N, C-alpha and C. Protein backbone atom coordinates (compact mmCIF):
# COMPACT_ATOMS: atom_id res chain seq x y z
N MET A 1 -1.15 11.57 -33.17
CA MET A 1 -1.19 12.42 -34.36
C MET A 1 0.18 13.07 -34.56
N LEU A 2 0.66 13.06 -35.79
CA LEU A 2 1.89 13.77 -36.10
C LEU A 2 1.65 15.27 -35.99
N GLY A 3 2.62 15.98 -35.44
CA GLY A 3 2.45 17.41 -35.22
C GLY A 3 2.67 18.24 -36.46
N ALA A 4 2.25 19.50 -36.38
CA ALA A 4 2.39 20.42 -37.50
C ALA A 4 3.85 20.64 -37.87
N ALA A 5 4.74 20.71 -36.88
CA ALA A 5 6.15 20.94 -37.17
C ALA A 5 6.75 19.75 -37.91
N THR A 6 6.45 18.54 -37.45
CA THR A 6 6.98 17.34 -38.12
C THR A 6 6.49 17.27 -39.56
N LEU A 7 5.21 17.49 -39.77
CA LEU A 7 4.67 17.43 -41.13
C LEU A 7 5.17 18.58 -41.99
N GLY A 8 5.40 19.74 -41.37
CA GLY A 8 5.94 20.87 -42.11
C GLY A 8 7.36 20.63 -42.58
N GLU A 9 8.08 19.73 -41.90
CA GLU A 9 9.45 19.36 -42.29
C GLU A 9 9.45 18.11 -43.17
N SER A 10 8.27 17.61 -43.50
CA SER A 10 8.18 16.34 -44.24
C SER A 10 7.42 16.49 -45.55
N GLY A 11 7.34 17.70 -46.06
CA GLY A 11 6.66 17.94 -47.34
C GLY A 11 5.42 18.79 -47.25
N GLY A 12 4.96 19.08 -46.03
CA GLY A 12 3.85 20.02 -45.88
C GLY A 12 4.31 21.44 -46.10
N ARG A 13 3.35 22.37 -46.19
CA ARG A 13 3.67 23.78 -46.41
C ARG A 13 3.25 24.58 -45.17
N PRO A 14 4.22 25.01 -44.36
CA PRO A 14 3.88 25.76 -43.14
C PRO A 14 3.27 27.13 -43.47
N MET A 15 2.23 27.48 -42.74
CA MET A 15 1.68 28.83 -42.85
C MET A 15 2.56 29.82 -42.11
N HIS A 16 2.38 31.09 -42.40
CA HIS A 16 3.09 32.15 -41.69
C HIS A 16 2.78 32.03 -40.20
N PRO A 17 3.79 32.28 -39.35
CA PRO A 17 3.57 32.11 -37.90
C PRO A 17 2.56 33.06 -37.28
N ARG A 18 2.05 34.03 -38.03
CA ARG A 18 0.98 34.87 -37.47
C ARG A 18 -0.29 34.05 -37.22
N ILE A 19 -0.43 32.92 -37.91
CA ILE A 19 -1.62 32.09 -37.71
C ILE A 19 -1.32 31.14 -36.55
N LYS A 20 -2.02 31.34 -35.43
CA LYS A 20 -1.76 30.52 -34.25
C LYS A 20 -3.05 30.25 -33.50
N ALA A 21 -2.94 29.33 -32.55
CA ALA A 21 -4.12 28.91 -31.80
C ALA A 21 -4.75 30.09 -31.07
N ALA A 22 -6.08 30.21 -31.19
CA ALA A 22 -6.80 31.27 -30.48
C ALA A 22 -6.93 30.95 -29.00
N TRP A 23 -6.84 29.67 -28.65
CA TRP A 23 -6.84 29.28 -27.24
C TRP A 23 -5.86 28.12 -27.04
N ALA A 24 -5.25 28.08 -25.88
CA ALA A 24 -4.19 27.12 -25.60
C ALA A 24 -4.72 25.69 -25.63
N GLY A 25 -3.98 24.83 -26.32
CA GLY A 25 -4.35 23.42 -26.38
C GLY A 25 -5.15 23.03 -27.61
N ALA A 26 -5.50 23.97 -28.46
CA ALA A 26 -6.25 23.63 -29.66
C ALA A 26 -5.39 22.80 -30.61
N THR A 27 -5.97 21.76 -31.19
CA THR A 27 -5.32 20.95 -32.22
C THR A 27 -6.35 20.63 -33.30
N LEU A 28 -5.86 20.44 -34.51
CA LEU A 28 -6.76 20.21 -35.64
C LEU A 28 -6.05 19.40 -36.71
N ALA A 29 -6.75 18.44 -37.29
CA ALA A 29 -6.29 17.71 -38.47
C ALA A 29 -7.53 17.35 -39.27
N ALA A 30 -7.69 17.96 -40.45
CA ALA A 30 -8.92 17.75 -41.22
C ALA A 30 -8.72 18.24 -42.66
N PRO A 31 -9.55 17.75 -43.57
CA PRO A 31 -9.52 18.29 -44.93
C PRO A 31 -10.06 19.72 -44.95
N ALA A 32 -9.45 20.54 -45.79
CA ALA A 32 -9.78 21.96 -45.86
C ALA A 32 -10.99 22.22 -46.76
N TYR A 33 -11.77 23.21 -46.36
CA TYR A 33 -12.80 23.79 -47.22
C TYR A 33 -12.47 25.27 -47.31
N ALA A 34 -12.04 25.71 -48.48
CA ALA A 34 -11.48 27.05 -48.65
C ALA A 34 -12.57 28.11 -48.77
N VAL A 35 -12.30 29.26 -48.13
CA VAL A 35 -13.24 30.39 -48.12
C VAL A 35 -12.44 31.67 -48.31
N THR A 36 -12.92 32.55 -49.18
CA THR A 36 -12.36 33.89 -49.33
C THR A 36 -13.46 34.91 -49.07
N CYS A 37 -13.22 35.78 -48.09
CA CYS A 37 -14.22 36.78 -47.70
C CYS A 37 -14.11 38.02 -48.56
N GLY A 38 -15.22 38.72 -48.70
CA GLY A 38 -15.19 40.06 -49.26
C GLY A 38 -14.60 41.03 -48.25
N SER A 39 -14.34 42.24 -48.67
CA SER A 39 -13.70 43.23 -47.81
C SER A 39 -14.56 43.54 -46.58
N GLY A 40 -14.02 43.23 -45.39
CA GLY A 40 -14.72 43.50 -44.14
C GLY A 40 -16.02 42.75 -43.98
N ASP A 41 -16.16 41.62 -44.67
CA ASP A 41 -17.44 40.95 -44.79
C ASP A 41 -17.28 39.45 -44.52
N ASN A 42 -18.20 38.85 -43.77
CA ASN A 42 -18.09 37.42 -43.51
C ASN A 42 -19.28 36.61 -44.04
N LEU A 43 -19.99 37.14 -45.04
CA LEU A 43 -21.11 36.41 -45.62
C LEU A 43 -20.67 35.06 -46.16
N ALA A 44 -19.49 35.01 -46.79
CA ALA A 44 -19.00 33.74 -47.35
C ALA A 44 -18.77 32.71 -46.25
N ILE A 45 -18.36 33.15 -45.06
CA ILE A 45 -18.18 32.20 -43.95
C ILE A 45 -19.51 31.59 -43.55
N HIS A 46 -20.55 32.40 -43.47
CA HIS A 46 -21.88 31.87 -43.14
C HIS A 46 -22.33 30.85 -44.18
N ALA A 47 -22.08 31.15 -45.47
CA ALA A 47 -22.43 30.20 -46.53
C ALA A 47 -21.63 28.91 -46.39
N ALA A 48 -20.35 29.03 -46.04
CA ALA A 48 -19.50 27.85 -45.90
C ALA A 48 -19.95 26.97 -44.75
N VAL A 49 -20.32 27.57 -43.63
CA VAL A 49 -20.81 26.77 -42.50
C VAL A 49 -22.04 25.97 -42.92
N ALA A 50 -22.88 26.55 -43.76
CA ALA A 50 -24.08 25.86 -44.21
C ALA A 50 -23.80 24.78 -45.25
N GLU A 51 -22.70 24.92 -46.03
CA GLU A 51 -22.50 24.05 -47.19
C GLU A 51 -21.27 23.15 -47.12
N ALA A 52 -20.32 23.41 -46.24
CA ALA A 52 -19.10 22.60 -46.20
C ALA A 52 -19.42 21.18 -45.76
N PRO A 53 -18.68 20.19 -46.27
CA PRO A 53 -18.95 18.80 -45.87
C PRO A 53 -18.63 18.56 -44.40
N ARG A 54 -19.45 17.74 -43.76
CA ARG A 54 -19.18 17.30 -42.40
C ARG A 54 -17.78 16.72 -42.32
N GLY A 55 -17.07 17.02 -41.24
CA GLY A 55 -15.72 16.49 -41.06
C GLY A 55 -14.62 17.35 -41.65
N SER A 56 -14.98 18.49 -42.24
CA SER A 56 -13.96 19.37 -42.82
C SER A 56 -13.69 20.54 -41.89
N ALA A 57 -12.62 21.28 -42.21
CA ALA A 57 -12.25 22.49 -41.47
C ALA A 57 -12.32 23.66 -42.44
N LEU A 58 -12.87 24.77 -42.00
CA LEU A 58 -12.89 25.97 -42.83
C LEU A 58 -11.52 26.62 -42.79
N VAL A 59 -11.00 26.98 -43.95
CA VAL A 59 -9.72 27.67 -44.07
C VAL A 59 -10.00 28.96 -44.82
N VAL A 60 -9.89 30.09 -44.10
CA VAL A 60 -10.52 31.33 -44.54
C VAL A 60 -9.50 32.45 -44.75
N ALA A 61 -9.56 33.09 -45.90
CA ALA A 61 -8.83 34.33 -46.17
C ALA A 61 -9.75 35.49 -45.81
N ALA A 62 -9.38 36.23 -44.75
CA ALA A 62 -10.20 37.36 -44.30
C ALA A 62 -9.27 38.47 -43.84
N CYS A 63 -8.37 38.88 -44.73
CA CYS A 63 -7.33 39.83 -44.32
C CYS A 63 -7.51 41.21 -44.96
N ASP A 64 -8.75 41.54 -45.34
CA ASP A 64 -9.00 42.84 -45.96
C ASP A 64 -10.22 43.50 -45.30
N PRO A 65 -10.05 44.18 -44.16
CA PRO A 65 -8.86 44.22 -43.30
C PRO A 65 -8.89 43.03 -42.34
N PRO A 66 -7.74 42.67 -41.73
CA PRO A 66 -7.74 41.53 -40.82
C PRO A 66 -8.35 41.82 -39.46
N ALA A 67 -8.34 43.07 -39.03
CA ALA A 67 -8.66 43.40 -37.63
C ALA A 67 -10.16 43.54 -37.38
N LEU A 68 -10.91 42.52 -37.77
CA LEU A 68 -12.33 42.43 -37.47
C LEU A 68 -12.60 41.05 -36.89
N GLY A 69 -13.65 40.93 -36.09
CA GLY A 69 -14.05 39.63 -35.57
C GLY A 69 -14.93 38.91 -36.58
N TYR A 70 -14.29 38.24 -37.54
CA TYR A 70 -15.03 37.54 -38.60
C TYR A 70 -15.73 36.29 -38.06
N TRP A 71 -15.30 35.82 -36.89
CA TRP A 71 -15.80 34.57 -36.34
C TRP A 71 -15.98 34.72 -34.84
N GLY A 72 -17.03 34.10 -34.29
CA GLY A 72 -17.25 34.14 -32.85
C GLY A 72 -18.07 32.95 -32.40
N GLU A 73 -18.72 33.11 -31.24
CA GLU A 73 -19.43 31.97 -30.64
C GLU A 73 -20.64 31.53 -31.47
N VAL A 74 -21.33 32.46 -32.10
CA VAL A 74 -22.52 32.08 -32.87
C VAL A 74 -22.12 31.15 -34.02
N LEU A 75 -21.10 31.54 -34.79
CA LEU A 75 -20.65 30.68 -35.89
C LEU A 75 -20.07 29.37 -35.37
N THR A 76 -19.39 29.41 -34.24
CA THR A 76 -18.85 28.18 -33.66
C THR A 76 -19.97 27.20 -33.34
N THR A 77 -21.04 27.69 -32.72
CA THR A 77 -22.16 26.83 -32.38
C THR A 77 -22.78 26.22 -33.64
N GLY A 78 -22.93 27.04 -34.67
CA GLY A 78 -23.47 26.53 -35.93
C GLY A 78 -22.56 25.52 -36.59
N ALA A 79 -21.25 25.78 -36.56
CA ALA A 79 -20.29 24.87 -37.18
C ALA A 79 -20.25 23.53 -36.45
N GLU A 80 -20.27 23.58 -35.13
CA GLU A 80 -20.31 22.33 -34.35
C GLU A 80 -21.52 21.49 -34.72
N ALA A 81 -22.68 22.14 -34.81
CA ALA A 81 -23.91 21.42 -35.13
C ALA A 81 -23.87 20.81 -36.52
N ARG A 82 -23.10 21.42 -37.42
CA ARG A 82 -22.98 20.92 -38.80
C ARG A 82 -21.89 19.87 -38.94
N GLY A 83 -21.17 19.57 -37.85
CA GLY A 83 -20.14 18.55 -37.91
C GLY A 83 -18.81 19.03 -38.46
N LEU A 84 -18.59 20.34 -38.49
CA LEU A 84 -17.29 20.87 -38.92
C LEU A 84 -16.30 20.75 -37.77
N LEU A 85 -15.01 20.58 -38.11
CA LEU A 85 -14.03 20.22 -37.09
C LEU A 85 -13.15 21.36 -36.61
N GLY A 86 -13.14 22.49 -37.31
CA GLY A 86 -12.29 23.58 -36.86
C GLY A 86 -12.20 24.69 -37.89
N LEU A 87 -11.42 25.72 -37.54
CA LEU A 87 -11.26 26.91 -38.36
C LEU A 87 -9.81 27.35 -38.36
N VAL A 88 -9.33 27.67 -39.56
CA VAL A 88 -8.05 28.37 -39.72
C VAL A 88 -8.38 29.63 -40.50
N ILE A 89 -8.07 30.81 -39.94
CA ILE A 89 -8.47 32.06 -40.58
C ILE A 89 -7.35 33.09 -40.53
N ASP A 90 -7.05 33.64 -41.69
CA ASP A 90 -6.08 34.73 -41.79
C ASP A 90 -6.86 36.02 -41.60
N GLY A 91 -7.20 36.27 -40.35
CA GLY A 91 -8.02 37.41 -39.97
C GLY A 91 -8.34 37.27 -38.50
N GLY A 92 -9.28 38.10 -38.02
CA GLY A 92 -9.57 38.15 -36.60
C GLY A 92 -10.74 37.28 -36.19
N VAL A 93 -10.71 36.87 -34.92
CA VAL A 93 -11.84 36.18 -34.29
C VAL A 93 -12.10 36.86 -32.95
N ARG A 94 -13.25 36.56 -32.36
CA ARG A 94 -13.58 37.12 -31.05
C ARG A 94 -14.31 36.05 -30.23
N ASP A 95 -14.79 36.41 -29.05
CA ASP A 95 -15.46 35.48 -28.14
C ASP A 95 -14.53 34.32 -27.77
N VAL A 96 -13.27 34.65 -27.51
CA VAL A 96 -12.25 33.62 -27.34
C VAL A 96 -12.55 32.73 -26.13
N ALA A 97 -13.03 33.30 -25.03
CA ALA A 97 -13.36 32.48 -23.87
C ALA A 97 -14.44 31.46 -24.22
N ALA A 98 -15.41 31.87 -25.02
CA ALA A 98 -16.47 30.94 -25.44
C ALA A 98 -15.92 29.87 -26.38
N LEU A 99 -15.02 30.25 -27.28
CA LEU A 99 -14.42 29.27 -28.19
C LEU A 99 -13.69 28.20 -27.39
N GLU A 100 -12.95 28.64 -26.37
CA GLU A 100 -12.23 27.69 -25.52
C GLU A 100 -13.20 26.81 -24.74
N ALA A 101 -14.28 27.39 -24.25
CA ALA A 101 -15.27 26.60 -23.52
C ALA A 101 -15.89 25.52 -24.40
N HIS A 102 -16.06 25.83 -25.68
CA HIS A 102 -16.58 24.85 -26.64
C HIS A 102 -15.53 23.79 -26.98
N ARG A 103 -14.24 24.10 -26.71
CA ARG A 103 -13.12 23.23 -27.09
C ARG A 103 -13.12 22.98 -28.60
N TRP A 104 -13.50 24.01 -29.33
CA TRP A 104 -13.57 23.90 -30.80
C TRP A 104 -12.33 24.59 -31.36
N PRO A 105 -11.50 23.88 -32.15
CA PRO A 105 -10.20 24.42 -32.57
C PRO A 105 -10.33 25.61 -33.51
N VAL A 106 -9.69 26.69 -33.13
CA VAL A 106 -9.64 27.91 -33.95
C VAL A 106 -8.20 28.39 -33.99
N PHE A 107 -7.71 28.66 -35.19
CA PHE A 107 -6.38 29.22 -35.41
C PHE A 107 -6.56 30.48 -36.23
N SER A 108 -6.04 31.60 -35.71
CA SER A 108 -6.32 32.89 -36.33
C SER A 108 -5.08 33.77 -36.33
N ALA A 109 -5.16 34.85 -37.12
CA ALA A 109 -4.06 35.81 -37.17
C ALA A 109 -4.08 36.76 -35.98
N LEU A 110 -5.26 36.97 -35.39
CA LEU A 110 -5.37 37.92 -34.28
C LEU A 110 -6.74 37.81 -33.63
N ILE A 111 -6.87 38.49 -32.51
CA ILE A 111 -8.14 38.61 -31.81
C ILE A 111 -8.64 40.04 -32.06
N ALA A 112 -9.88 40.17 -32.47
CA ALA A 112 -10.41 41.50 -32.78
C ALA A 112 -11.88 41.57 -32.38
N LEU A 113 -12.28 42.69 -31.79
CA LEU A 113 -13.64 42.82 -31.29
C LEU A 113 -14.66 43.29 -32.32
N PRO A 114 -14.40 44.31 -33.15
CA PRO A 114 -15.45 44.78 -34.06
C PRO A 114 -15.89 43.69 -35.03
N GLY A 115 -17.19 43.63 -35.29
CA GLY A 115 -17.72 42.60 -36.18
C GLY A 115 -17.61 42.97 -37.65
N ALA A 116 -17.84 41.98 -38.51
CA ALA A 116 -17.85 42.17 -39.96
C ALA A 116 -19.29 42.35 -40.44
N VAL A 117 -19.44 42.92 -41.63
CA VAL A 117 -20.77 43.01 -42.24
C VAL A 117 -21.05 41.71 -42.99
N LYS A 118 -22.27 41.58 -43.53
CA LYS A 118 -22.70 40.34 -44.18
C LYS A 118 -23.48 40.68 -45.44
N VAL A 119 -22.78 41.29 -46.40
CA VAL A 119 -23.50 41.73 -47.60
C VAL A 119 -22.82 41.33 -48.91
N SER A 120 -21.50 41.22 -48.95
CA SER A 120 -20.83 40.96 -50.23
C SER A 120 -20.57 39.48 -50.42
N GLY A 121 -20.22 39.10 -51.63
CA GLY A 121 -20.17 37.69 -52.00
C GLY A 121 -19.07 36.86 -51.39
N GLY A 122 -17.84 37.12 -51.79
CA GLY A 122 -16.76 36.22 -51.43
C GLY A 122 -16.83 34.95 -52.26
N GLU A 123 -16.09 33.92 -51.84
CA GLU A 123 -16.04 32.66 -52.60
C GLU A 123 -15.85 31.49 -51.65
N ILE A 124 -16.50 30.38 -51.93
CA ILE A 124 -16.34 29.18 -51.11
C ILE A 124 -16.08 27.97 -51.99
N GLY A 125 -15.35 27.00 -51.43
CA GLY A 125 -15.17 25.71 -52.08
C GLY A 125 -14.09 25.64 -53.14
N GLY A 126 -13.31 26.69 -53.29
CA GLY A 126 -12.25 26.70 -54.31
C GLY A 126 -10.87 26.71 -53.68
N THR A 127 -10.20 27.85 -53.86
CA THR A 127 -8.85 28.05 -53.32
C THR A 127 -8.83 29.36 -52.56
N ALA A 128 -8.09 29.39 -51.46
CA ALA A 128 -7.92 30.62 -50.68
C ALA A 128 -6.46 30.75 -50.28
N ARG A 129 -5.94 31.96 -50.28
CA ARG A 129 -4.57 32.20 -49.82
C ARG A 129 -4.63 32.58 -48.35
N VAL A 130 -4.15 31.68 -47.49
CA VAL A 130 -4.27 31.82 -46.04
C VAL A 130 -2.90 31.61 -45.43
N GLY A 131 -2.45 32.56 -44.62
CA GLY A 131 -1.13 32.43 -44.01
C GLY A 131 -0.02 32.32 -45.02
N ASP A 132 -0.18 33.01 -46.17
CA ASP A 132 0.79 33.03 -47.26
C ASP A 132 0.92 31.69 -47.98
N VAL A 133 -0.08 30.83 -47.85
CA VAL A 133 -0.09 29.54 -48.54
C VAL A 133 -1.39 29.42 -49.32
N ASP A 134 -1.31 28.97 -50.57
CA ASP A 134 -2.51 28.69 -51.34
C ASP A 134 -3.10 27.36 -50.87
N VAL A 135 -4.33 27.41 -50.38
CA VAL A 135 -4.99 26.23 -49.84
C VAL A 135 -6.16 25.88 -50.75
N HIS A 136 -6.16 24.66 -51.26
CA HIS A 136 -7.23 24.17 -52.12
C HIS A 136 -8.19 23.33 -51.30
N THR A 137 -9.46 23.45 -51.59
CA THR A 137 -10.43 22.56 -50.96
C THR A 137 -10.01 21.12 -51.21
N GLY A 138 -9.94 20.34 -50.13
CA GLY A 138 -9.47 18.96 -50.23
C GLY A 138 -8.04 18.77 -49.76
N ASP A 139 -7.25 19.87 -49.67
CA ASP A 139 -5.96 19.78 -48.98
C ASP A 139 -6.24 19.47 -47.50
N TRP A 140 -5.20 19.08 -46.78
CA TRP A 140 -5.35 18.84 -45.34
C TRP A 140 -4.64 19.93 -44.56
N VAL A 141 -5.24 20.32 -43.44
CA VAL A 141 -4.59 21.24 -42.51
C VAL A 141 -4.35 20.51 -41.20
N VAL A 142 -3.14 20.66 -40.69
CA VAL A 142 -2.77 20.11 -39.39
C VAL A 142 -2.26 21.28 -38.57
N ALA A 143 -2.83 21.49 -37.39
CA ALA A 143 -2.51 22.68 -36.60
C ALA A 143 -2.41 22.31 -35.12
N ASP A 144 -1.46 22.94 -34.46
CA ASP A 144 -1.29 22.77 -33.02
C ASP A 144 -0.56 24.00 -32.51
N ARG A 145 0.02 23.94 -31.32
CA ARG A 145 0.64 25.13 -30.73
C ARG A 145 1.87 25.59 -31.50
N ASP A 146 2.43 24.73 -32.36
CA ASP A 146 3.58 25.14 -33.17
C ASP A 146 3.19 25.93 -34.41
N GLY A 147 1.94 25.82 -34.84
CA GLY A 147 1.51 26.53 -36.03
C GLY A 147 0.60 25.67 -36.88
N VAL A 148 0.50 26.03 -38.17
CA VAL A 148 -0.39 25.35 -39.11
C VAL A 148 0.40 24.90 -40.33
N THR A 149 0.20 23.66 -40.73
CA THR A 149 0.81 23.11 -41.94
C THR A 149 -0.28 22.66 -42.89
N VAL A 150 -0.07 22.93 -44.17
CA VAL A 150 -1.01 22.52 -45.22
C VAL A 150 -0.37 21.38 -46.01
N ILE A 151 -1.11 20.31 -46.20
CA ILE A 151 -0.63 19.16 -46.98
C ILE A 151 -1.51 19.04 -48.23
N PRO A 152 -0.91 19.19 -49.42
CA PRO A 152 -1.72 19.02 -50.63
C PRO A 152 -2.40 17.66 -50.64
N GLY A 153 -3.68 17.64 -51.00
CA GLY A 153 -4.45 16.41 -50.95
C GLY A 153 -3.81 15.26 -51.71
N GLU A 154 -3.21 15.56 -52.87
CA GLU A 154 -2.64 14.50 -53.69
C GLU A 154 -1.33 13.95 -53.13
N HIS A 155 -0.75 14.66 -52.14
CA HIS A 155 0.52 14.23 -51.54
C HIS A 155 0.34 13.74 -50.10
N LEU A 156 -0.89 13.57 -49.64
CA LEU A 156 -1.13 13.26 -48.24
C LEU A 156 -0.41 11.99 -47.80
N ASP A 157 -0.55 10.91 -48.56
CA ASP A 157 0.07 9.65 -48.15
C ASP A 157 1.58 9.77 -48.07
N ALA A 158 2.21 10.43 -49.06
CA ALA A 158 3.66 10.56 -49.07
C ALA A 158 4.15 11.41 -47.91
N VAL A 159 3.44 12.49 -47.60
CA VAL A 159 3.85 13.36 -46.50
C VAL A 159 3.68 12.64 -45.16
N LEU A 160 2.59 11.91 -45.01
CA LEU A 160 2.41 11.15 -43.76
C LEU A 160 3.49 10.09 -43.60
N GLN A 161 3.84 9.42 -44.68
CA GLN A 161 4.90 8.41 -44.61
C GLN A 161 6.22 9.06 -44.21
N ALA A 162 6.54 10.20 -44.83
CA ALA A 162 7.77 10.91 -44.48
C ALA A 162 7.73 11.42 -43.05
N GLY A 163 6.55 11.85 -42.61
CA GLY A 163 6.40 12.34 -41.24
C GLY A 163 6.62 11.24 -40.22
N HIS A 164 6.07 10.05 -40.48
CA HIS A 164 6.29 8.93 -39.56
C HIS A 164 7.77 8.53 -39.53
N ALA A 165 8.42 8.55 -40.68
CA ALA A 165 9.85 8.21 -40.72
C ALA A 165 10.65 9.22 -39.92
N ARG A 166 10.31 10.50 -40.06
CA ARG A 166 11.01 11.54 -39.30
C ARG A 166 10.78 11.37 -37.79
N ALA A 167 9.54 11.09 -37.41
CA ALA A 167 9.23 10.92 -35.99
C ALA A 167 9.98 9.72 -35.42
N ASP A 168 10.07 8.63 -36.19
CA ASP A 168 10.81 7.45 -35.73
C ASP A 168 12.29 7.76 -35.57
N LYS A 169 12.86 8.50 -36.52
CA LYS A 169 14.27 8.87 -36.45
C LYS A 169 14.54 9.74 -35.21
N GLU A 170 13.65 10.69 -34.96
CA GLU A 170 13.83 11.56 -33.79
C GLU A 170 13.69 10.77 -32.49
N ALA A 171 12.80 9.79 -32.45
CA ALA A 171 12.66 8.97 -31.25
C ALA A 171 13.97 8.24 -30.94
N GLY A 172 14.64 7.75 -31.99
CA GLY A 172 15.94 7.13 -31.80
C GLY A 172 16.98 8.11 -31.31
N MET A 173 16.94 9.33 -31.84
CA MET A 173 17.87 10.36 -31.38
C MET A 173 17.66 10.69 -29.91
N PHE A 174 16.41 10.75 -29.47
CA PHE A 174 16.13 11.07 -28.07
C PHE A 174 16.75 10.01 -27.15
N LEU A 175 16.64 8.74 -27.55
CA LEU A 175 17.23 7.67 -26.74
C LEU A 175 18.75 7.84 -26.65
N ARG A 176 19.38 8.15 -27.79
CA ARG A 176 20.84 8.28 -27.80
C ARG A 176 21.28 9.52 -27.03
N LEU A 177 20.51 10.61 -27.11
CA LEU A 177 20.85 11.80 -26.33
C LEU A 177 20.77 11.53 -24.83
N ARG A 178 19.75 10.78 -24.42
CA ARG A 178 19.62 10.46 -22.99
C ARG A 178 20.73 9.52 -22.52
N SER A 179 21.38 8.85 -23.47
CA SER A 179 22.49 7.95 -23.13
C SER A 179 23.84 8.64 -23.21
N GLY A 180 23.84 9.94 -23.48
CA GLY A 180 25.09 10.69 -23.44
C GLY A 180 25.59 11.23 -24.75
N ALA A 181 24.98 10.86 -25.88
CA ALA A 181 25.40 11.42 -27.16
C ALA A 181 25.06 12.91 -27.20
N THR A 182 25.69 13.64 -28.09
CA THR A 182 25.37 15.06 -28.29
C THR A 182 24.77 15.26 -29.66
N THR A 183 24.07 16.37 -29.83
CA THR A 183 23.54 16.68 -31.16
C THR A 183 24.67 16.92 -32.16
N VAL A 184 25.82 17.38 -31.67
CA VAL A 184 26.98 17.56 -32.56
C VAL A 184 27.38 16.22 -33.15
N ASP A 185 27.41 15.18 -32.31
CA ASP A 185 27.76 13.83 -32.78
C ASP A 185 26.69 13.30 -33.73
N LEU A 186 25.45 13.35 -33.30
CA LEU A 186 24.38 12.70 -34.05
C LEU A 186 24.11 13.36 -35.40
N LEU A 187 24.31 14.67 -35.46
CA LEU A 187 24.03 15.39 -36.71
C LEU A 187 25.29 15.63 -37.54
N GLY A 188 26.46 15.18 -37.03
CA GLY A 188 27.70 15.35 -37.77
C GLY A 188 28.06 16.81 -37.99
N LEU A 189 27.87 17.64 -36.96
CA LEU A 189 28.08 19.08 -37.11
C LEU A 189 29.56 19.44 -36.96
N ASP A 190 29.99 20.40 -37.76
CA ASP A 190 31.35 20.95 -37.66
C ASP A 190 31.26 22.21 -36.82
N THR A 191 31.72 22.15 -35.57
CA THR A 191 31.64 23.31 -34.68
C THR A 191 32.90 24.16 -34.72
N GLY A 192 33.82 23.86 -35.65
CA GLY A 192 35.05 24.63 -35.77
C GLY A 192 34.85 26.12 -35.92
N PRO A 193 33.88 26.57 -36.71
CA PRO A 193 33.69 28.02 -36.87
C PRO A 193 33.17 28.75 -35.63
N VAL A 194 32.75 28.01 -34.60
CA VAL A 194 32.20 28.65 -33.40
C VAL A 194 33.37 29.21 -32.57
N LYS A 195 33.29 30.51 -32.25
CA LYS A 195 34.36 31.16 -31.47
C LYS A 195 34.29 30.71 -30.01
N ARG A 196 35.43 30.35 -29.47
CA ARG A 196 35.53 30.00 -28.06
C ARG A 196 36.20 31.14 -27.31
N SER A 197 35.66 31.50 -26.16
CA SER A 197 36.26 32.59 -25.36
C SER A 197 37.13 32.00 -24.26
């Protein structure tokens, strides 16, 4: 799988670095199902777990306020049973040890213990602003320890093609570096402005 950094340099849109893996080793690549929560409320997330297509990842705006546990082990268990592949949330999650035990990919802005209420509407299946990126249902999210990248659905093939080309180019660079070349040589860098002591 091409990594989030490679795809982010190949036409994808990187999310703000506050969105990171809730547990070490989490990776995700799936079409997005967008969710926007009401203030301090995760009712829309519960609706999305029930209605999102199998094989998708929930991409959730829950930053009003962010410091609540909008997601935990109960929702993870339900999402797994529904065939959902992961979560990207601009807000808090909890039950991190359980999430890791499930090996279910979660990328969040923070870890937070207090829970959310379940009374206001929110919105599902449209567009959500997550990690400072507008994410439309049907876009793709690719996430790993480097961060999260969003690929517009209509540009998926072009971004993947550019990503593979970039990965192939870097593989060639690695071989040349191991043979004694420098990044200054390979990238054609002018190091003249660098002060020497």
